[in-house]
Amino acid sequence: MIDRHLLDILVDPEDHQELWYVLDEQVLYNPRSLRKYDVRDNIPILLVDESSTATSEEQQRWSSMGDSA
């Protein structure tokens, strides 16, 4: 689990906006660009080249997180 203080300051490396932490799947998600960044051993991998696009199923599942993320 990523420390809450770290989550408060992390932003997407492309648009410099807030990311949503999907704890169960260990990813940081950008709902604007639909990009997801892996979290490995509690370390966020915020490299655009290593990110991927969320699947439509993931987008739908995570879209309900907006108010609680």
C-alpha atoms as a PDB file:
ATOM      1  CA  MET A   1       0.000   0.000   0.000  1.00  0.00           C
ATOM      2  CA  ILE A   2       1.287   3.436  -0.943  1.00  0.00           C
ATOM      3  CA  ASP A   3       1.601   5.932   1.887  1.00  0.00           C
ATOM      4  CA  ARG A   4      -1.281   8.443   1.907  1.00  0.00           C
ATOM      5  CA  HIS A   5       1.111  11.414   2.067  1.00  0.00           C
ATOM      6  CA  LEU A   6       2.863  10.193  -1.080  1.00  0.00           C
ATOM      7  CA  LEU A   7      -0.471   9.678  -2.842  1.00  0.00           C
ATOM      8  CA  ASP A   8      -1.410  13.260  -2.036  1.00  0.00           C
ATOM      9  CA  ILE A   9       1.557  14.623  -3.999  1.00  0.00           C
ATOM     10  CA  LEU A  10       1.735  12.135  -6.893  1.00  0.00           C
ATOM     11  CA  VAL A  11       0.516  13.413 -10.245  1.00  0.00           C
ATOM     12  CA  ASP A  12       0.391  12.019 -13.750  1.00  0.00           C
ATOM     13  CA  PRO A  13       3.708  12.648 -15.535  1.00  0.00           C
ATOM     14  CA  GLU A  14       1.920  13.801 -18.703  1.00  0.00           C
ATOM     15  CA  ASP A  15      -0.926  16.047 -17.586  1.00  0.00           C
ATOM     16  CA  HIS A  16       0.309  16.795 -14.046  1.00  0.00           C
ATOM     17  CA  GLN A  17      -3.105  16.069 -12.544  1.00  0.00           C
ATOM     18  CA  GLU A  18      -4.358  13.771  -9.790  1.00  0.00           C
ATOM     19  CA  LEU A  19      -4.208   9.985 -10.132  1.00  0.00           C
ATOM     20  CA  TRP A  20      -6.619   7.458  -8.643  1.00  0.00           C
ATOM     21  CA  TYR A  21      -5.087   4.618  -6.635  1.00  0.00           C
ATOM     22  CA  VAL A  22      -6.724   1.249  -7.322  1.00  0.00           C
ATOM     23  CA  LEU A  23      -5.478  -0.637  -4.275  1.00  0.00           C
ATOM     24  CA  ASP A  24      -6.904  -4.056  -5.183  1.00  0.00           C
ATOM     25  CA  GLU A  25      -5.166  -4.017  -8.553  1.00  0.00           C
ATOM     26  CA  GLN A  26      -2.050  -2.067  -7.560  1.00  0.00           C
ATOM     27  CA  VAL A  27      -2.319   0.597 -10.252  1.00  0.00           C
ATOM     28  CA  LEU A  28      -2.540   4.355 -10.421  1.00  0.00           C
ATOM     29  CA  TYR A  29      -5.188   5.427 -12.919  1.00  0.00           C
ATOM     30  CA  ASN A  30      -5.620   8.650 -14.857  1.00  0.00           C
ATOM     31  CA  PRO A  31      -9.324   8.929 -15.760  1.00  0.00           C
ATOM     32  CA  ARG A  32      -8.661  11.781 -18.201  1.00  0.00           C
ATOM     33  CA  SER A  33      -6.133   9.989 -20.416  1.00  0.00           C
ATOM     34  CA  LEU A  34      -7.324   6.465 -19.479  1.00  0.00           C
ATOM     35  CA  ARG A  35      -3.699   5.546 -18.675  1.00  0.00           C
ATOM     36  CA  LYS A  36      -2.712   3.206 -15.881  1.00  0.00           C
ATOM     37  CA  TYR A  37       0.616   2.971 -14.091  1.00  0.00           C
ATOM     38  CA  ASP A  38       1.713  -0.130 -12.222  1.00  0.00           C
ATOM     39  CA  VAL A  39       2.638  -0.119  -8.563  1.00  0.00           C
ATOM     40  CA  ARG A  40       5.364  -2.679  -7.846  1.00  0.00           C
ATOM     41  CA  ASP A  41       6.433  -3.446  -4.283  1.00  0.00           C
ATOM     42  CA  ASN A  42       4.589  -0.295  -3.184  1.00  0.00           C
ATOM     43  CA  ILE A  43       6.590   1.822  -5.638  1.00  0.00           C
ATOM     44  CA  PRO A  44       4.608   3.687  -8.296  1.00  0.00           C
ATOM     45  CA  ILE A  45       6.130   3.307 -11.768  1.00  0.00           C
ATOM     46  CA  LEU A  46       5.287   6.714 -13.228  1.00  0.00           C
ATOM     47  CA  LEU A  47       7.038   6.313 -16.548  1.00  0.00           C
ATOM     48  CA  VAL A  48       4.866   7.083 -19.551  1.00  0.00           C
ATOM     49  CA  ASP A  49       6.734   4.495 -21.627  1.00  0.00           C
ATOM     50  CA  GLU A  50       5.806   1.790 -19.125  1.00  0.00           C
ATOM     51  CA  SER A  51       2.178   2.835 -18.703  1.00  0.00           C
ATOM     52  CA  SER A  52      -0.672   1.267 -20.614  1.00  0.00           C
ATOM     53  CA  THR A  53      -4.206   2.130 -21.608  1.00  0.00           C
ATOM     54  CA  ALA A  54      -6.911   0.819 -19.322  1.00  0.00           C
ATOM     55  CA  THR A  55      -9.234  -1.696 -20.940  1.00  0.00           C
ATOM     56  CA  SER A  56     -12.873  -0.732 -21.396  1.00  0.00           C
ATOM     57  CA  GLU A  57     -13.758  -3.112 -18.542  1.00  0.00           C
ATOM     58  CA  GLU A  58     -11.220  -1.450 -16.239  1.00  0.00           C
ATOM     59  CA  GLN A  59     -12.433   2.012 -17.255  1.00  0.00           C
ATOM     60  CA  GLN A  60     -16.010   1.076 -16.444  1.00  0.00           C
ATOM     61  CA  ARG A  61     -15.077  -0.568 -13.139  1.00  0.00           C
ATOM     62  CA  TRP A  62     -12.874   2.307 -12.020  1.00  0.00           C
ATOM     63  CA  SER A  63     -15.172   5.114 -13.168  1.00  0.00           C
ATOM     64  CA  SER A  64     -17.291   4.504 -10.074  1.00  0.00           C
ATOM     65  CA  MET A  65     -14.255   5.282  -7.889  1.00  0.00           C
ATOM     66  CA  GLY A  66     -14.234   8.986  -8.756  1.00  0.00           C
ATOM     67  CA  ASP A  67     -15.722  10.246  -5.523  1.00  0.00           C
ATOM     68  CA  SER A  68     -13.877   7.820  -3.277  1.00  0.00           C
ATOM     69  CA  ALA A  69     -10.435   7.875  -4.894  1.00  0.00           C
END
